Amino acid sequence: MDKKIKVTIIGTVVNLILPPIKFVAGVLWNSNALVADAIHSLSDLLSDLVIYIFLTVARRPRDKNHDYGYGKYETLATLFIAFLLVIVGGFIAGSAISTVLEYFDKGLLPERPGTVALIAALVSIVLKEILFRVTRKVAIETKSDAVMANAWHHRSDAYSSIATLIGITGAIFFEGVGTLLEPIAALVVGIFIMKVGVQLGVPAIRALTEASLTDNIEQEILEIICSVQEVEDPHNLRTRLIGNDYAIEVDVRTDGNRTVHEAHELTQVIERRLRRRFGNGTHIVIHVEPRKPYRHGHLYEK
């Protein structure tokens, strides 16, 4: 089974188990924060489902309707999760602000929870942090932005549970105003989650709108091309991202007396070096031109 699919299924199993546990513990042991955390955890289940569907589609081979493959479906998944993170972060921050305002406006404090709620929050933090680390490891190995986005969604749940843990601890050991520790911590967590969502979403939007690769990567591409003997003046470089693969189009010049076969061999060398650096899935188109000066098109002009 594909690593990306496997780690997503593992995450789905965990996300099926955790929300009911946190919800029941929150209801029975008076922790509204834990109930809200359980509802937040359901968003992880949604992200797992989206990742599974989109990764399955993205793995399809090229066909007559998709000459460049289905890689952009993975980018769409990344954008969806980024959007979900911003929404979840905004919900957490908004709820926290509302709780604090209620205290200053009406003097209302969150209820004091029981110890079991504290244990449930701890279990959630540990499981979610483990899930984050495992998912992040797979994302790095497979160079998958979508899986990395899902990893950060797991961590957002862990951070949300940390805020809940702070609130429960404050309510148990510091009666009264101590219960406000949870919404204050939740506000910080909500802002952090939104920040992560934006950081994941912006590159995904750039990829979907055919933005060029970064200047550093384009410079590296040119250096690799120039390292090939008899190849000169790489120009008209066009780059973009297709899923997790780079697409590179470039014009190069060489001796105009070379045969078609020799020119083809040069392009093969360039392609091998580029794929060695950027992966076998790299899309490469190289146009070979004769070294200047030359009479462009004179063979076919009358």
Protein backbone atom coordinates (compact mmCIF):
# COMPACT_ATOMS: atom_id res chain seq x y z
CA MET A 1 0.00 0.00 0.00
CA ASP A 2 1.18 3.52 -0.81
CA LYS A 3 2.76 5.23 2.23
CA LYS A 4 0.63 8.35 1.85
CA ILE A 5 -2.59 6.34 1.73
CA LYS A 6 -1.50 4.13 4.63
CA VAL A 7 -0.69 7.01 7.00
CA THR A 8 -3.98 8.68 6.06
CA ILE A 9 -5.91 5.53 6.97
CA ILE A 10 -4.08 5.35 10.32
CA GLY A 11 -5.06 8.96 10.98
CA THR A 12 -8.67 8.18 10.08
CA VAL A 13 -8.80 5.34 12.62
CA VAL A 14 -7.44 7.61 15.38
CA ASN A 15 -9.85 10.37 14.41
CA LEU A 16 -12.76 7.94 14.58
CA ILE A 17 -11.84 6.96 18.15
CA LEU A 18 -10.82 10.27 19.76
CA PRO A 19 -13.85 12.56 19.22
CA PRO A 20 -16.41 10.28 20.98
CA ILE A 21 -14.02 9.80 23.94
CA LYS A 22 -13.46 13.54 24.33
CA PHE A 23 -17.14 14.34 23.84
CA VAL A 24 -18.35 11.87 26.47
CA ALA A 25 -15.62 12.92 28.94
CA GLY A 26 -16.50 16.57 28.38
CA VAL A 27 -20.22 16.04 28.94
CA LEU A 28 -19.91 13.76 31.99
CA TRP A 29 -17.10 15.72 33.70
CA ASN A 30 -18.26 19.27 32.96
CA SER A 31 -15.72 20.43 30.39
CA ASN A 32 -17.27 22.57 27.67
CA ALA A 33 -13.77 23.13 26.32
CA LEU A 34 -13.30 19.38 25.84
CA VAL A 35 -16.67 19.12 24.09
CA ALA A 36 -15.61 21.91 21.72
CA ASP A 37 -12.28 20.13 21.24
CA ALA A 38 -14.13 16.94 20.30
CA ILE A 39 -16.12 18.83 17.67
CA HIS A 40 -12.87 20.32 16.36
CA SER A 41 -11.41 16.80 16.09
CA LEU A 42 -14.17 15.91 13.66
CA SER A 43 -12.58 18.31 11.17
CA ASP A 44 -9.53 16.03 11.18
CA LEU A 45 -11.76 13.17 10.07
CA LEU A 46 -13.03 15.31 7.21
CA SER A 47 -9.49 16.22 6.16
CA ASP A 48 -8.46 12.54 6.22
CA LEU A 49 -11.37 11.68 3.95
CA VAL A 50 -10.50 14.46 1.50
CA ILE A 51 -6.81 13.49 1.50
CA TYR A 52 -7.65 9.83 0.85
CA ILE A 53 -9.94 10.65 -2.10
CA PHE A 54 -7.64 13.22 -3.69
CA LEU A 55 -4.46 11.18 -3.22
CA THR A 56 -6.18 8.19 -4.82
CA VAL A 57 -7.08 10.33 -7.84
CA ALA A 58 -3.63 11.98 -7.97
CA ARG A 59 -1.95 8.56 -8.28
CA ARG A 60 -3.69 7.81 -11.58
CA PRO A 61 -1.34 7.58 -14.57
CA ARG A 62 -1.48 10.06 -17.42
CA ASP A 63 -4.24 9.50 -19.94
CA LYS A 64 -5.59 11.15 -23.10
CA ASN A 65 -7.65 13.60 -21.03
CA HIS A 66 -4.81 14.50 -18.64
CA ASP A 67 -1.53 14.72 -20.55
CA TYR A 68 0.31 15.95 -17.46
CA GLY A 69 -1.33 13.50 -15.06
CA TYR A 70 -3.55 14.16 -12.04
CA GLY A 71 -0.95 15.74 -9.75
CA LYS A 72 -2.91 18.96 -9.22
CA TYR A 73 -5.57 17.04 -7.31
CA GLU A 74 -3.03 16.73 -4.51
CA THR A 75 -2.53 20.50 -4.63
CA LEU A 76 -6.31 20.93 -4.39
CA ALA A 77 -6.28 18.74 -1.28
CA THR A 78 -3.57 20.93 0.23
CA LEU A 79 -5.61 24.05 -0.45
CA PHE A 80 -8.73 22.48 1.06
CA ILE A 81 -6.92 21.56 4.27
CA ALA A 82 -5.31 25.01 4.44
CA PHE A 83 -8.78 26.55 4.16
CA LEU A 84 -10.08 24.16 6.81
CA LEU A 85 -7.23 25.13 9.16
CA VAL A 86 -8.06 28.82 8.77
CA ILE A 87 -11.74 28.11 9.50
CA VAL A 88 -10.94 25.91 12.51
CA GLY A 89 -8.41 28.41 13.85
CA GLY A 90 -10.91 31.22 13.43
CA PHE A 91 -13.60 29.19 15.22
CA ILE A 92 -11.29 28.43 18.15
CA ALA A 93 -10.11 32.05 18.42
CA GLY A 94 -13.66 33.40 18.08
CA SER A 95 -15.00 31.07 20.78
CA ALA A 96 -12.14 32.06 23.08
CA ILE A 97 -12.80 35.78 22.60
CA SER A 98 -16.52 35.22 23.22
CA THR A 99 -15.81 33.41 26.51
CA VAL A 100 -13.50 36.16 27.76
CA LEU A 101 -15.98 38.88 26.76
CA GLU A 102 -18.78 37.06 28.59
CA TYR A 103 -16.70 37.15 31.76
CA PHE A 104 -16.05 40.89 31.53
CA ASP A 105 -19.62 41.64 30.43
CA LYS A 106 -21.67 39.29 32.62
CA GLY A 107 -19.14 37.84 35.05
CA LEU A 108 -19.72 34.34 33.63
CA LEU A 109 -16.94 31.78 34.08
CA PRO A 110 -16.57 28.34 32.45
CA GLU A 111 -17.68 25.45 34.68
CA ARG A 112 -15.11 23.62 36.79
CA PRO A 113 -14.37 20.25 35.09
CA GLY A 114 -13.50 16.86 36.58
CA THR A 115 -10.15 15.05 36.61
CA VAL A 116 -11.24 12.54 33.94
CA ALA A 117 -11.55 15.42 31.48
CA LEU A 118 -7.92 16.24 32.24
CA ILE A 119 -6.86 12.66 31.44
CA ALA A 120 -8.85 12.66 28.18
CA ALA A 121 -7.12 15.87 27.08
CA LEU A 122 -3.70 14.36 27.88
CA VAL A 123 -4.45 11.21 25.87
CA SER A 124 -5.56 13.35 22.93
CA ILE A 125 -2.36 15.42 23.02
CA VAL A 126 -0.11 12.35 23.08
CA LEU A 127 -1.93 10.52 20.28
CA LYS A 128 -2.18 13.58 18.06
CA GLU A 129 1.48 14.49 18.50
CA ILE A 130 2.51 10.94 17.58
CA LEU A 131 0.19 11.08 14.56
CA PHE A 132 1.68 14.44 13.54
CA ARG A 133 5.25 13.12 13.69
CA VAL A 134 4.46 9.93 11.76
CA THR A 135 2.47 11.80 9.09
CA ARG A 136 5.13 14.52 8.77
CA LYS A 137 7.83 11.85 8.30
CA VAL A 138 5.86 10.28 5.43
CA ALA A 139 5.23 13.73 3.92
CA ILE A 140 8.96 14.49 3.88
CA GLU A 141 9.82 11.06 2.43
CA THR A 142 7.21 11.35 -0.34
CA LYS A 143 7.56 15.13 -0.82
CA SER A 144 3.79 15.45 -0.46
CA ASP A 145 2.41 18.90 0.38
CA ALA A 146 -1.06 17.45 0.93
CA VAL A 147 0.16 14.92 3.50
CA MET A 148 2.23 17.65 5.17
CA ALA A 149 -0.89 19.82 5.38
CA ASN A 150 -2.75 16.92 6.97
CA ALA A 151 0.11 16.46 9.45
CA TRP A 152 -0.25 20.06 10.55
CA HIS A 153 -3.98 19.55 10.87
CA HIS A 154 -3.22 16.76 13.34
CA ARG A 155 -0.91 19.09 15.25
CA SER A 156 -3.57 21.80 15.30
CA ASP A 157 -5.79 19.30 17.11
CA ALA A 158 -2.96 18.59 19.57
CA TYR A 159 -2.51 22.32 20.21
CA SER A 160 -6.25 22.72 20.68
CA SER A 161 -6.13 19.94 23.27
CA ILE A 162 -3.20 21.69 24.99
CA ALA A 163 -5.37 24.80 25.35
CA THR A 164 -8.13 22.60 26.75
CA LEU A 165 -5.65 20.99 29.15
CA ILE A 166 -4.50 24.41 30.37
CA GLY A 167 -8.11 25.43 30.96
CA ILE A 168 -9.00 22.23 32.80
CA THR A 169 -5.85 22.46 34.95
CA GLY A 170 -6.56 26.10 35.74
CA ALA A 171 -10.16 25.33 36.66
CA ILE A 172 -9.19 22.41 38.92
CA PHE A 173 -6.28 24.02 40.77
CA PHE A 174 -7.21 27.71 40.56
CA GLU A 175 -10.89 28.22 41.19
CA GLY A 176 -12.69 31.19 39.72
CA VAL A 177 -10.64 33.30 37.31
CA GLY A 178 -8.28 30.34 36.74
CA THR A 179 -10.83 28.89 34.32
CA LEU A 180 -10.07 31.79 31.95
CA LEU A 181 -6.68 30.25 31.24
CA GLU A 182 -8.34 27.95 28.69
CA PRO A 183 -9.86 30.63 26.42
CA ILE A 184 -6.69 32.72 26.63
CA ALA A 185 -4.57 29.72 25.58
CA ALA A 186 -7.18 28.81 22.95
CA LEU A 187 -6.93 32.30 21.45
CA VAL A 188 -3.17 31.90 20.99
CA VAL A 189 -3.66 28.43 19.51
CA GLY A 190 -6.38 29.66 17.14
CA ILE A 191 -4.15 32.40 15.78
CA PHE A 192 -1.29 29.91 15.32
CA ILE A 193 -3.54 27.47 13.44
CA MET A 194 -4.75 30.22 11.11
CA LYS A 195 -1.14 31.21 10.45
CA VAL A 196 -0.25 27.62 9.50
CA GLY A 197 -3.29 27.49 7.20
CA VAL A 198 -2.17 30.62 5.37
CA GLN A 199 1.41 29.32 5.08
CA LEU A 200 0.12 26.10 3.48
CA GLY A 201 -2.53 27.79 1.35
CA VAL A 202 -0.45 30.46 -0.37
CA PRO A 203 1.96 28.00 -2.11
CA ALA A 204 -1.03 25.84 -3.12
CA ILE A 205 -2.74 28.84 -4.72
CA ARG A 206 0.50 29.74 -6.51
CA ALA A 207 0.77 26.19 -7.88
CA LEU A 208 -2.85 26.14 -9.07
CA THR A 209 -2.44 29.51 -10.81
CA GLU A 210 0.65 28.30 -12.71
CA ALA A 211 3.11 30.45 -10.77
CA SER A 212 6.78 29.92 -11.59
CA LEU A 213 9.10 28.06 -9.26
CA THR A 214 11.20 30.15 -6.88
CA ASP A 215 14.19 32.13 -8.15
CA ASN A 216 16.58 29.84 -6.26
CA ILE A 217 15.19 26.71 -7.93
CA GLU A 218 15.22 28.32 -11.38
CA GLN A 219 18.83 29.38 -10.84
CA GLU A 220 19.73 25.82 -9.86
CA ILE A 221 18.04 24.53 -13.02
CA LEU A 222 20.11 26.89 -15.17
CA GLU A 223 23.31 25.85 -13.39
CA ILE A 224 22.58 22.16 -14.02
CA ILE A 225 21.96 22.85 -17.72
CA CYS A 226 25.15 24.90 -18.03
CA SER A 227 27.13 22.04 -16.47
CA VAL A 228 26.55 19.98 -19.65
CA GLN A 229 29.40 20.37 -22.13
CA GLU A 230 28.58 21.90 -25.54
CA VAL A 231 25.35 23.42 -24.19
CA GLU A 232 25.20 27.22 -24.13
CA ASP A 233 22.91 30.09 -23.26
CA PRO A 234 19.86 28.43 -21.65
CA HIS A 235 17.03 30.95 -22.06
CA ASN A 236 13.24 31.32 -22.14
CA LEU A 237 13.03 29.19 -18.99
CA ARG A 238 9.42 28.40 -18.02
CA THR A 239 8.65 26.49 -14.83
CA ARG A 240 5.63 25.48 -12.79
CA LEU A 241 4.47 22.89 -10.31
CA ILE A 242 2.23 19.95 -11.22
CA GLY A 243 1.24 18.27 -7.97
CA ASN A 244 4.60 17.50 -6.36
CA ASP A 245 6.50 17.40 -9.66
CA TYR A 246 8.29 20.23 -11.44
CA ALA A 247 7.55 21.13 -15.06
CA ILE A 248 10.50 22.68 -16.91
CA GLU A 249 10.60 24.13 -20.43
CA VAL A 250 13.76 25.77 -21.73
CA ASP A 251 15.59 26.74 -24.91
CA VAL A 252 19.32 25.98 -25.25
CA ARG A 253 21.95 26.60 -27.91
CA THR A 254 24.71 24.38 -29.29
CA ASP A 255 26.92 24.05 -32.36
CA GLY A 256 24.70 24.39 -35.44
CA ASN A 257 26.72 21.72 -37.27
CA ARG A 258 25.61 18.99 -34.88
CA THR A 259 23.38 16.27 -36.27
CA VAL A 260 19.83 15.79 -35.03
CA HIS A 261 21.03 12.64 -33.26
CA GLU A 262 23.79 14.52 -31.44
CA ALA A 263 21.41 17.31 -30.41
CA HIS A 264 19.01 14.70 -29.10
CA GLU A 265 21.78 13.10 -27.04
CA LEU A 266 22.53 16.49 -25.46
CA THR A 267 18.91 16.90 -24.40
CA GLN A 268 18.97 13.39 -22.93
CA VAL A 269 21.98 14.31 -20.79
CA ILE A 270 20.25 17.47 -19.57
CA GLU A 271 17.06 15.56 -18.77
CA ARG A 272 18.93 12.88 -16.81
CA ARG A 273 20.73 15.48 -14.69
CA LEU A 274 17.56 17.43 -14.00
CA ARG A 275 15.61 14.31 -13.04
CA ARG A 276 18.50 13.11 -10.87
CA ARG A 277 18.15 16.35 -8.91
CA PHE A 278 14.38 16.96 -8.95
CA GLY A 279 12.90 13.47 -9.32
CA ASN A 280 11.82 11.09 -12.06
CA GLY A 281 8.39 12.72 -12.29
CA THR A 282 9.88 15.99 -13.56
CA HIS A 283 8.27 17.14 -16.84
CA ILE A 284 10.97 18.45 -19.20
CA VAL A 285 10.75 20.04 -22.65
CA ILE A 286 14.01 21.25 -24.25
CA HIS A 287 14.19 23.19 -27.51
CA VAL A 288 17.64 23.12 -29.14
CA GLU A 289 18.77 26.09 -31.26
CA PRO A 290 21.99 26.56 -33.30
CA ARG A 291 24.64 28.77 -31.74
CA LYS A 292 24.56 32.39 -32.95
CA PRO A 293 25.26 33.82 -35.48
CA TYR A 294 23.04 31.87 -37.83
CA ARG A 295 20.48 32.50 -40.57
CA HIS A 296 17.19 31.58 -38.95
CA GLY A 297 14.87 29.59 -41.20
CA HIS A 298 16.87 30.09 -44.41
CA LEU A 299 16.54 26.43 -45.42
CA TYR A 300 12.84 26.79 -46.07
CA GLU A 301 12.63 30.33 -47.36
CA LYS A 302 12.28 31.06 -51.07
